[in-house]
Amino acid sequence: MKKLALLLALVLSACSGGGSTGTTAEQDTGSSDTQATTTTEAMETTTTTEASQSSGSAESAHITLTIGEDTWEFDGALCAYADATPGKDGSQWNVSKVQDDLQVYINDDKFGRYISISNIKDYGTFQWEANGDAVTELTVDGNAIAGKGTFSDLAGDGPATDGSVTATCSSWLEG
């Protein structure tokens, strides 16, 4: 949050005009301009470094869902849990990612186990899910998730089809 506030302050100061905000004494010596340039460069370096670190961890997260002959790859995964660490008794967790108007969603909570993929832009035109007893396996081992099930085609008349999912979380958010 602090980094966001600093970035917002930089953007606002850049948009506020080209005039100097220093006192007359600072303007005469030029020390304010030098300090501002040094501070701005340091913040840009920090922001660039943090962005590359952030994107590096996001790249390690991944979801692969296969239903029958079809496979979907999702770059990234949003992972959250409540009550207990995923993989422990009493944990409720979910993993999700939206990409190319499709959302993959995996969860295990007090209502049961669930794996789905659906078109979120044109809902109802494409939707597969395995729910409850149709999810035959769903395990968490650290940041790795693996599941299997029999998927129903909720948007068409296709037959129930076996499928599997694997996911890797870069981290888990506690909710």
N, C-alpha and C. Protein backbone atom coordinates (compact mmCIF):
# COMPACT_ATOMS: atom_id res chain seq x y z
N MET A 1 0.84 -1.18 0.00
CA MET A 1 0.00 0.00 0.00
C MET A 1 0.88 1.24 0.00
N LYS A 2 1.96 1.19 0.78
CA LYS A 2 2.89 2.30 0.87
C LYS A 2 3.51 2.58 -0.49
N LYS A 3 3.86 1.52 -1.22
CA LYS A 3 4.47 1.65 -2.54
C LYS A 3 3.49 2.27 -3.52
N LEU A 4 2.21 1.86 -3.40
CA LEU A 4 1.18 2.42 -4.26
C LEU A 4 1.02 3.90 -3.99
N ALA A 5 1.07 4.29 -2.73
CA ALA A 5 0.94 5.70 -2.37
C ALA A 5 2.11 6.50 -2.93
N LEU A 6 3.33 5.95 -2.86
CA LEU A 6 4.49 6.64 -3.43
C LEU A 6 4.36 6.79 -4.94
N LEU A 7 3.92 5.73 -5.60
CA LEU A 7 3.74 5.79 -7.04
C LEU A 7 2.68 6.80 -7.41
N LEU A 8 1.58 6.84 -6.66
CA LEU A 8 0.51 7.80 -6.89
C LEU A 8 1.03 9.22 -6.70
N ALA A 9 1.85 9.43 -5.67
CA ALA A 9 2.43 10.76 -5.42
C ALA A 9 3.31 11.19 -6.57
N LEU A 10 4.08 10.26 -7.13
CA LEU A 10 4.92 10.58 -8.28
C LEU A 10 4.08 10.98 -9.49
N VAL A 11 3.03 10.22 -9.75
CA VAL A 11 2.16 10.52 -10.88
C VAL A 11 1.50 11.88 -10.69
N LEU A 12 0.99 12.15 -9.50
CA LEU A 12 0.34 13.43 -9.23
C LEU A 12 1.31 14.59 -9.36
N SER A 13 2.54 14.41 -8.88
CA SER A 13 3.51 15.50 -8.99
C SER A 13 3.91 15.72 -10.44
N ALA A 14 3.97 14.67 -11.24
CA ALA A 14 4.31 14.82 -12.65
C ALA A 14 3.19 15.51 -13.41
N CYS A 15 1.95 15.28 -12.99
CA CYS A 15 0.80 15.88 -13.67
C CYS A 15 0.49 17.29 -13.19
N SER A 16 1.14 17.74 -12.12
CA SER A 16 0.78 19.03 -11.55
C SER A 16 1.44 20.20 -12.27
N GLY A 17 2.18 19.95 -13.30
CA GLY A 17 2.79 21.05 -14.05
C GLY A 17 4.29 21.00 -13.95
N GLY A 18 4.94 21.84 -14.75
CA GLY A 18 6.39 21.81 -14.82
C GLY A 18 7.05 22.74 -13.83
N GLY A 19 6.29 23.53 -13.08
CA GLY A 19 6.87 24.50 -12.16
C GLY A 19 7.54 23.84 -10.98
N SER A 20 8.52 24.51 -10.42
CA SER A 20 9.23 24.00 -9.26
C SER A 20 8.42 24.27 -8.01
N THR A 21 8.48 23.37 -7.06
CA THR A 21 7.76 23.55 -5.81
C THR A 21 8.70 23.97 -4.69
N GLY A 22 10.00 24.11 -4.96
CA GLY A 22 10.96 24.46 -3.93
C GLY A 22 10.89 25.94 -3.59
N THR A 23 11.56 26.32 -2.49
CA THR A 23 11.61 27.72 -2.09
C THR A 23 12.58 28.45 -3.00
N THR A 24 12.61 29.78 -2.91
CA THR A 24 13.50 30.57 -3.74
C THR A 24 14.95 30.19 -3.48
N ALA A 25 15.31 29.96 -2.23
CA ALA A 25 16.68 29.57 -1.90
C ALA A 25 17.03 28.25 -2.55
N GLU A 26 16.10 27.28 -2.52
CA GLU A 26 16.36 25.99 -3.15
C GLU A 26 16.48 26.13 -4.65
N GLN A 27 15.66 26.98 -5.25
CA GLN A 27 15.70 27.17 -6.69
C GLN A 27 17.03 27.78 -7.09
N ASP A 28 17.55 28.70 -6.28
CA ASP A 28 18.81 29.35 -6.60
C ASP A 28 19.97 28.37 -6.54
N THR A 29 19.96 27.45 -5.58
CA THR A 29 21.08 26.53 -5.44
C THR A 29 20.94 25.31 -6.32
N GLY A 30 19.71 25.00 -6.74
CA GLY A 30 19.48 23.82 -7.58
C GLY A 30 19.48 22.53 -6.78
N SER A 31 19.63 22.59 -5.46
CA SER A 31 19.69 21.37 -4.65
C SER A 31 18.36 20.62 -4.66
N SER A 32 17.25 21.33 -4.74
CA SER A 32 15.94 20.68 -4.76
C SER A 32 15.77 19.85 -6.02
N ASP A 33 16.20 20.39 -7.17
CA ASP A 33 16.08 19.65 -8.43
C ASP A 33 16.93 18.38 -8.40
N THR A 34 18.14 18.48 -7.85
CA THR A 34 19.02 17.33 -7.77
C THR A 34 18.42 16.27 -6.86
N GLN A 35 17.89 16.69 -5.71
CA GLN A 35 17.28 15.74 -4.79
C GLN A 35 16.05 15.09 -5.41
N ALA A 36 15.24 15.88 -6.10
CA ALA A 36 14.03 15.34 -6.73
C ALA A 36 14.39 14.32 -7.80
N THR A 37 15.42 14.64 -8.61
CA THR A 37 15.84 13.71 -9.66
C THR A 37 16.37 12.42 -9.06
N THR A 38 17.20 12.54 -8.03
CA THR A 38 17.75 11.36 -7.37
C THR A 38 16.64 10.53 -6.75
N THR A 39 15.70 11.16 -6.07
CA THR A 39 14.59 10.45 -5.45
C THR A 39 13.73 9.76 -6.50
N THR A 40 13.43 10.47 -7.59
CA THR A 40 12.62 9.90 -8.66
C THR A 40 13.30 8.70 -9.28
N GLU A 41 14.61 8.82 -9.56
CA GLU A 41 15.35 7.70 -10.15
C GLU A 41 15.35 6.50 -9.21
N ALA A 42 15.55 6.75 -7.92
CA ALA A 42 15.56 5.65 -6.94
C ALA A 42 14.19 4.98 -6.88
N MET A 43 13.12 5.77 -6.92
CA MET A 43 11.77 5.20 -6.87
C MET A 43 11.47 4.42 -8.14
N GLU A 44 11.91 4.93 -9.30
CA GLU A 44 11.68 4.21 -10.55
C GLU A 44 12.43 2.89 -10.55
N THR A 45 13.66 2.88 -10.03
CA THR A 45 14.43 1.65 -9.94
C THR A 45 13.74 0.66 -9.01
N THR A 46 13.27 1.13 -7.86
CA THR A 46 12.57 0.28 -6.91
C THR A 46 11.30 -0.27 -7.53
N THR A 47 10.52 0.61 -8.19
CA THR A 47 9.27 0.17 -8.81
C THR A 47 9.53 -0.85 -9.91
N THR A 48 10.55 -0.62 -10.74
CA THR A 48 10.89 -1.55 -11.82
C THR A 48 11.33 -2.89 -11.24
N THR A 49 12.17 -2.85 -10.21
CA THR A 49 12.63 -4.08 -9.58
C THR A 49 11.47 -4.85 -8.97
N GLU A 50 10.58 -4.15 -8.26
CA GLU A 50 9.43 -4.81 -7.63
C GLU A 50 8.51 -5.39 -8.68
N ALA A 51 8.30 -4.68 -9.79
CA ALA A 51 7.43 -5.18 -10.85
C ALA A 51 8.00 -6.45 -11.46
N SER A 52 9.31 -6.49 -11.68
CA SER A 52 9.89 -7.69 -12.27
C SER A 52 9.86 -8.84 -11.28
N GLN A 53 10.06 -8.58 -9.98
CA GLN A 53 9.95 -9.63 -8.99
C GLN A 53 8.51 -10.14 -8.91
N SER A 54 7.57 -9.23 -8.95
CA SER A 54 6.16 -9.59 -8.88
C SER A 54 5.76 -10.43 -10.07
N SER A 55 6.16 -10.00 -11.27
CA SER A 55 5.79 -10.76 -12.46
C SER A 55 6.50 -12.10 -12.48
N GLY A 56 7.69 -12.17 -11.89
CA GLY A 56 8.40 -13.44 -11.83
C GLY A 56 7.64 -14.44 -11.00
N SER A 57 7.09 -14.02 -9.86
CA SER A 57 6.35 -14.96 -9.03
C SER A 57 5.02 -15.31 -9.68
N ALA A 58 4.40 -14.35 -10.39
CA ALA A 58 3.14 -14.63 -11.07
C ALA A 58 3.36 -15.64 -12.19
N GLU A 59 4.53 -15.59 -12.84
CA GLU A 59 4.81 -16.53 -13.92
C GLU A 59 4.96 -17.95 -13.40
N SER A 60 5.35 -18.12 -12.15
CA SER A 60 5.50 -19.47 -11.62
C SER A 60 4.14 -20.11 -11.33
N ALA A 61 3.11 -19.30 -11.15
CA ALA A 61 1.77 -19.83 -10.92
C ALA A 61 1.17 -20.25 -12.26
N HIS A 62 0.44 -21.36 -12.25
CA HIS A 62 -0.06 -21.91 -13.51
C HIS A 62 -1.21 -22.88 -13.23
N ILE A 63 -2.15 -22.97 -14.16
CA ILE A 63 -3.23 -23.96 -14.06
C ILE A 63 -3.37 -24.65 -15.42
N THR A 64 -3.48 -25.96 -15.40
CA THR A 64 -3.76 -26.74 -16.60
C THR A 64 -5.00 -27.59 -16.33
N LEU A 65 -6.00 -27.44 -17.19
CA LEU A 65 -7.23 -28.22 -17.07
C LEU A 65 -7.43 -29.00 -18.36
N THR A 66 -7.64 -30.29 -18.23
CA THR A 66 -7.90 -31.15 -19.39
C THR A 66 -9.24 -31.85 -19.18
N ILE A 67 -10.11 -31.74 -20.17
CA ILE A 67 -11.39 -32.45 -20.17
C ILE A 67 -11.47 -33.18 -21.49
N GLY A 68 -11.47 -34.51 -21.42
CA GLY A 68 -11.46 -35.30 -22.65
C GLY A 68 -10.21 -34.99 -23.47
N GLU A 69 -10.41 -34.57 -24.71
CA GLU A 69 -9.31 -34.26 -25.62
C GLU A 69 -8.87 -32.79 -25.56
N ASP A 70 -9.60 -31.96 -24.81
CA ASP A 70 -9.32 -30.53 -24.77
C ASP A 70 -8.51 -30.15 -23.54
N THR A 71 -7.51 -29.28 -23.74
CA THR A 71 -6.66 -28.80 -22.65
C THR A 71 -6.60 -27.28 -22.70
N TRP A 72 -6.72 -26.66 -21.52
CA TRP A 72 -6.61 -25.21 -21.39
C TRP A 72 -5.47 -24.91 -20.43
N GLU A 73 -4.63 -23.95 -20.81
CA GLU A 73 -3.50 -23.52 -19.99
C GLU A 73 -3.77 -22.10 -19.51
N PHE A 74 -3.60 -21.86 -18.24
CA PHE A 74 -3.78 -20.53 -17.65
C PHE A 74 -2.47 -20.10 -17.02
N ASP A 75 -1.96 -18.96 -17.43
CA ASP A 75 -0.73 -18.42 -16.86
C ASP A 75 -1.08 -17.61 -15.63
N GLY A 76 -0.79 -18.17 -14.48
CA GLY A 76 -1.09 -17.52 -13.22
C GLY A 76 -2.19 -18.25 -12.49
N ALA A 77 -2.32 -17.93 -11.22
CA ALA A 77 -3.36 -18.51 -10.38
C ALA A 77 -3.51 -17.64 -9.14
N LEU A 78 -4.74 -17.35 -8.79
CA LEU A 78 -5.04 -16.63 -7.56
C LEU A 78 -5.50 -17.67 -6.55
N CYS A 79 -4.78 -17.76 -5.44
CA CYS A 79 -5.01 -18.83 -4.47
C CYS A 79 -5.31 -18.23 -3.11
N ALA A 80 -6.39 -18.68 -2.48
CA ALA A 80 -6.78 -18.14 -1.18
C ALA A 80 -7.33 -19.27 -0.31
N TYR A 81 -7.22 -19.06 1.01
CA TYR A 81 -7.74 -20.07 1.94
C TYR A 81 -8.27 -19.40 3.20
N ALA A 82 -9.02 -20.19 3.95
CA ALA A 82 -9.54 -19.73 5.25
C ALA A 82 -9.50 -20.91 6.21
N ASP A 83 -9.50 -20.58 7.48
CA ASP A 83 -9.61 -21.53 8.59
C ASP A 83 -8.34 -22.34 8.87
N ALA A 84 -7.72 -22.93 7.87
CA ALA A 84 -6.49 -23.70 8.07
C ALA A 84 -5.70 -23.69 6.77
N THR A 85 -4.42 -23.92 6.88
CA THR A 85 -3.55 -23.97 5.70
C THR A 85 -4.06 -25.05 4.74
N PRO A 86 -4.10 -24.76 3.42
CA PRO A 86 -4.56 -25.76 2.45
C PRO A 86 -3.81 -27.08 2.61
N GLY A 87 -4.56 -28.16 2.55
CA GLY A 87 -4.01 -29.49 2.75
C GLY A 87 -4.19 -29.99 4.17
N LYS A 88 -4.53 -29.10 5.09
CA LYS A 88 -4.76 -29.48 6.49
C LYS A 88 -6.26 -29.66 6.71
N ASP A 89 -6.62 -30.44 7.73
CA ASP A 89 -8.02 -30.63 8.07
C ASP A 89 -8.68 -29.29 8.40
N GLY A 90 -9.89 -29.09 7.90
CA GLY A 90 -10.64 -27.86 8.19
C GLY A 90 -10.35 -26.70 7.26
N SER A 91 -9.43 -26.90 6.32
CA SER A 91 -9.11 -25.81 5.39
C SER A 91 -10.21 -25.65 4.35
N GLN A 92 -10.52 -24.42 4.03
CA GLN A 92 -11.40 -24.09 2.91
C GLN A 92 -10.56 -23.23 1.98
N TRP A 93 -10.49 -23.60 0.71
CA TRP A 93 -9.61 -22.89 -0.20
C TRP A 93 -10.20 -22.82 -1.60
N ASN A 94 -9.66 -21.90 -2.41
CA ASN A 94 -10.04 -21.82 -3.82
C ASN A 94 -8.87 -21.31 -4.64
N VAL A 95 -8.88 -21.69 -5.91
CA VAL A 95 -7.87 -21.28 -6.88
C VAL A 95 -8.64 -20.85 -8.12
N SER A 96 -8.27 -19.70 -8.68
CA SER A 96 -9.01 -19.19 -9.83
C SER A 96 -8.10 -18.40 -10.75
N LYS A 97 -8.49 -18.33 -12.01
CA LYS A 97 -7.78 -17.50 -12.98
C LYS A 97 -8.73 -17.20 -14.14
N VAL A 98 -8.71 -15.94 -14.58
CA VAL A 98 -9.47 -15.53 -15.76
C VAL A 98 -8.46 -15.21 -16.85
N GLN A 99 -8.71 -15.76 -18.04
CA GLN A 99 -7.82 -15.52 -19.19
C GLN A 99 -8.62 -15.76 -20.46
N ASP A 100 -8.52 -14.85 -21.41
CA ASP A 100 -9.20 -14.99 -22.70
C ASP A 100 -10.69 -15.27 -22.55
N ASP A 101 -11.35 -14.53 -21.66
CA ASP A 101 -12.78 -14.64 -21.38
C ASP A 101 -13.21 -15.97 -20.75
N LEU A 102 -12.24 -16.78 -20.35
CA LEU A 102 -12.54 -18.03 -19.66
C LEU A 102 -12.08 -17.93 -18.22
N GLN A 103 -12.86 -18.54 -17.32
CA GLN A 103 -12.45 -18.61 -15.92
C GLN A 103 -12.39 -20.07 -15.50
N VAL A 104 -11.26 -20.45 -14.93
CA VAL A 104 -11.14 -21.76 -14.31
C VAL A 104 -11.25 -21.53 -12.81
N TYR A 105 -11.96 -22.42 -12.13
CA TYR A 105 -12.20 -22.25 -10.70
C TYR A 105 -12.15 -23.62 -10.04
N ILE A 106 -11.38 -23.70 -8.95
CA ILE A 106 -11.22 -24.94 -8.20
C ILE A 106 -11.44 -24.59 -6.74
N ASN A 107 -12.24 -25.36 -6.03
CA ASN A 107 -12.37 -25.09 -4.61
C ASN A 107 -12.72 -26.34 -3.82
N ASP A 108 -12.42 -26.25 -2.53
CA ASP A 108 -12.80 -27.27 -1.57
C ASP A 108 -13.21 -26.51 -0.32
N ASP A 109 -14.51 -26.56 -0.01
CA ASP A 109 -15.01 -25.82 1.16
C ASP A 109 -16.12 -26.62 1.84
N LYS A 110 -16.83 -25.98 2.75
CA LYS A 110 -17.87 -26.69 3.52
C LYS A 110 -19.01 -27.20 2.65
N PHE A 111 -19.12 -26.69 1.42
CA PHE A 111 -20.17 -27.14 0.51
C PHE A 111 -19.71 -28.29 -0.39
N GLY A 112 -18.42 -28.59 -0.38
CA GLY A 112 -17.90 -29.69 -1.17
C GLY A 112 -16.78 -29.27 -2.10
N ARG A 113 -16.42 -30.19 -2.98
CA ARG A 113 -15.33 -29.96 -3.94
C ARG A 113 -15.93 -29.61 -5.30
N TYR A 114 -15.20 -28.74 -6.02
CA TYR A 114 -15.75 -28.19 -7.27
C TYR A 114 -14.62 -27.79 -8.20
N ILE A 115 -14.75 -28.15 -9.47
CA ILE A 115 -13.81 -27.73 -10.52
C ILE A 115 -14.65 -27.30 -11.71
N SER A 116 -14.36 -26.11 -12.27
CA SER A 116 -15.14 -25.67 -13.43
C SER A 116 -14.32 -24.80 -14.36
N ILE A 117 -14.83 -24.68 -15.57
CA ILE A 117 -14.33 -23.73 -16.55
C ILE A 117 -15.55 -23.18 -17.27
N SER A 118 -15.59 -21.87 -17.45
CA SER A 118 -16.74 -21.27 -18.13
C SER A 118 -16.35 -19.99 -18.85
N ASN A 119 -17.15 -19.66 -19.84
CA ASN A 119 -16.99 -18.40 -20.57
C ASN A 119 -17.68 -17.32 -19.75
N ILE A 120 -16.91 -16.37 -19.25
CA ILE A 120 -17.50 -15.34 -18.39
C ILE A 120 -17.99 -14.13 -19.17
N LYS A 121 -17.59 -14.03 -20.43
CA LYS A 121 -18.07 -12.92 -21.26
C LYS A 121 -19.46 -13.24 -21.81
N ASP A 122 -19.66 -14.46 -22.22
CA ASP A 122 -20.93 -14.89 -22.77
C ASP A 122 -21.40 -16.12 -21.99
N TYR A 123 -21.72 -15.87 -20.71
CA TYR A 123 -22.04 -16.95 -19.78
C TYR A 123 -23.16 -17.84 -20.34
N GLY A 124 -22.98 -19.12 -20.16
CA GLY A 124 -23.99 -20.08 -20.60
C GLY A 124 -23.67 -20.71 -21.95
N THR A 125 -22.71 -20.13 -22.68
CA THR A 125 -22.37 -20.70 -23.99
C THR A 125 -21.29 -21.76 -23.88
N PHE A 126 -20.56 -21.75 -22.78
CA PHE A 126 -19.49 -22.72 -22.57
C PHE A 126 -19.30 -22.89 -21.07
N GLN A 127 -19.60 -24.08 -20.55
CA GLN A 127 -19.42 -24.31 -19.12
C GLN A 127 -19.34 -25.80 -18.84
N TRP A 128 -18.22 -26.18 -18.23
CA TRP A 128 -18.01 -27.55 -17.78
C TRP A 128 -17.79 -27.51 -16.28
N GLU A 129 -18.32 -28.50 -15.57
CA GLU A 129 -18.05 -28.56 -14.14
C GLU A 129 -18.09 -29.99 -13.62
N ALA A 130 -17.28 -30.21 -12.59
CA ALA A 130 -17.32 -31.43 -11.79
C ALA A 130 -17.60 -30.96 -10.37
N ASN A 131 -18.64 -31.51 -9.77
CA ASN A 131 -19.11 -30.99 -8.49
C ASN A 131 -19.40 -32.16 -7.55
N GLY A 132 -19.08 -31.98 -6.27
CA GLY A 132 -19.40 -33.00 -5.26
C GLY A 132 -18.72 -34.32 -5.54
N ASP A 133 -19.53 -35.40 -5.61
CA ASP A 133 -18.98 -36.75 -5.83
C ASP A 133 -18.37 -36.92 -7.22
N ALA A 134 -18.68 -36.03 -8.16
CA ALA A 134 -18.08 -36.10 -9.49
C ALA A 134 -16.59 -35.72 -9.46
N VAL A 135 -16.16 -35.04 -8.39
CA VAL A 135 -14.74 -34.76 -8.18
C VAL A 135 -14.18 -35.96 -7.41
N THR A 136 -13.44 -36.81 -8.11
CA THR A 136 -12.98 -38.05 -7.52
C THR A 136 -11.67 -37.90 -6.75
N GLU A 137 -10.96 -36.81 -7.02
CA GLU A 137 -9.70 -36.56 -6.32
C GLU A 137 -9.45 -35.06 -6.32
N LEU A 138 -9.00 -34.53 -5.17
CA LEU A 138 -8.61 -33.13 -5.10
C LEU A 138 -7.66 -32.98 -3.91
N THR A 139 -6.38 -32.80 -4.22
CA THR A 139 -5.38 -32.74 -3.17
C THR A 139 -4.55 -31.46 -3.26
N VAL A 140 -4.03 -31.06 -2.11
CA VAL A 140 -3.13 -29.92 -2.02
C VAL A 140 -1.87 -30.40 -1.32
N ASP A 141 -0.74 -30.09 -1.92
CA ASP A 141 0.55 -30.40 -1.32
C ASP A 141 1.42 -29.16 -1.43
N GLY A 142 1.42 -28.34 -0.38
CA GLY A 142 2.14 -27.06 -0.43
C GLY A 142 1.44 -26.12 -1.40
N ASN A 143 2.12 -25.76 -2.48
CA ASN A 143 1.55 -24.88 -3.50
C ASN A 143 1.03 -25.64 -4.71
N ALA A 144 1.04 -26.97 -4.66
CA ALA A 144 0.61 -27.79 -5.80
C ALA A 144 -0.78 -28.38 -5.53
N ILE A 145 -1.63 -28.27 -6.54
CA ILE A 145 -2.99 -28.81 -6.47
C ILE A 145 -3.15 -29.81 -7.61
N ALA A 146 -3.80 -30.93 -7.33
CA ALA A 146 -4.09 -31.93 -8.36
C ALA A 146 -5.50 -32.43 -8.15
N GLY A 147 -6.23 -32.61 -9.24
CA GLY A 147 -7.59 -33.10 -9.14
C GLY A 147 -8.01 -33.88 -10.35
N LYS A 148 -9.02 -34.72 -10.14
CA LYS A 148 -9.62 -35.50 -11.23
C LYS A 148 -11.11 -35.53 -11.00
N GLY A 149 -11.85 -35.70 -12.09
CA GLY A 149 -13.28 -35.80 -11.94
C GLY A 149 -13.97 -36.11 -13.25
N THR A 150 -15.29 -36.24 -13.15
CA THR A 150 -16.13 -36.43 -14.33
C THR A 150 -16.90 -35.13 -14.53
N PHE A 151 -16.67 -34.50 -15.66
CA PHE A 151 -17.21 -33.18 -15.95
C PHE A 151 -18.49 -33.26 -16.75
N SER A 152 -19.45 -32.42 -16.37
CA SER A 152 -20.72 -32.30 -17.09
C SER A 152 -20.67 -31.06 -17.97
N ASP A 153 -21.19 -31.19 -19.20
CA ASP A 153 -21.27 -30.06 -20.14
C ASP A 153 -22.58 -29.33 -19.86
N LEU A 154 -22.52 -28.24 -19.10
CA LEU A 154 -23.74 -27.52 -18.72
C LEU A 154 -24.27 -26.61 -19.83
N ALA A 155 -23.46 -26.36 -20.85
CA ALA A 155 -23.89 -25.48 -21.93
C ALA A 155 -24.33 -26.25 -23.17
N GLY A 156 -24.13 -27.54 -23.17
CA GLY A 156 -24.48 -28.33 -24.34
C GLY A 156 -25.01 -29.68 -23.92
N ASP A 157 -25.11 -30.54 -24.89
CA ASP A 157 -25.64 -31.88 -24.62
C ASP A 157 -24.56 -32.94 -24.65
N GLY A 158 -23.32 -32.51 -24.46
CA GLY A 158 -22.23 -33.47 -24.51
C GLY A 158 -22.29 -34.45 -23.36
N PRO A 159 -21.69 -35.62 -23.56
CA PRO A 159 -21.68 -36.63 -22.50
C PRO A 159 -20.75 -36.22 -21.36
N ALA A 160 -20.97 -36.78 -20.19
CA ALA A 160 -20.06 -36.58 -19.07
C ALA A 160 -18.68 -37.09 -19.50
N THR A 161 -17.66 -36.31 -19.17
CA THR A 161 -16.32 -36.60 -19.67
C THR A 161 -15.31 -36.50 -18.54
N ASP A 162 -14.39 -37.47 -18.49
CA ASP A 162 -13.34 -37.45 -17.47
C ASP A 162 -12.35 -36.33 -17.75
N GLY A 163 -11.80 -35.79 -16.68
CA GLY A 163 -10.82 -34.73 -16.82
C GLY A 163 -9.91 -34.64 -15.61
N SER A 164 -8.92 -33.76 -15.73
CA SER A 164 -7.97 -33.56 -14.63
C SER A 164 -7.52 -32.11 -14.61
N VAL A 165 -7.04 -31.70 -13.45
CA VAL A 165 -6.54 -30.35 -13.28
C VAL A 165 -5.27 -30.41 -12.44
N THR A 166 -4.30 -29.58 -12.81
CA THR A 166 -3.13 -29.35 -11.97
C THR A 166 -2.96 -27.84 -11.86
N ALA A 167 -2.51 -27.41 -10.71
CA ALA A 167 -2.28 -25.98 -10.51
C ALA A 167 -1.09 -25.80 -9.59
N THR A 168 -0.41 -24.69 -9.79
CA THR A 168 0.69 -24.30 -8.92
C THR A 168 0.44 -22.86 -8.49
N CYS A 169 0.40 -22.64 -7.19
CA CYS A 169 0.23 -21.29 -6.64
C CYS A 169 1.60 -20.72 -6.30
N SER A 170 1.80 -19.44 -6.58
CA SER A 170 3.05 -18.82 -6.16
C SER A 170 3.00 -18.53 -4.67
N SER A 171 1.79 -18.30 -4.14
CA SER A 171 1.58 -18.12 -2.71
C SER A 171 0.09 -18.24 -2.43
N TRP A 172 -0.26 -18.33 -1.16
CA TRP A 172 -1.64 -18.43 -0.73
C TRP A 172 -2.01 -17.17 0.05
N LEU A 173 -3.15 -16.57 -0.27
CA LEU A 173 -3.67 -15.44 0.49
C LEU A 173 -4.60 -15.97 1.57
N GLU A 174 -4.43 -15.47 2.78
CA GLU A 174 -5.29 -15.91 3.86
C GLU A 174 -6.48 -14.97 3.95
N GLY A 175 -7.69 -15.53 3.95
CA GLY A 175 -8.89 -14.71 3.96
C GLY A 175 -9.68 -14.80 5.21
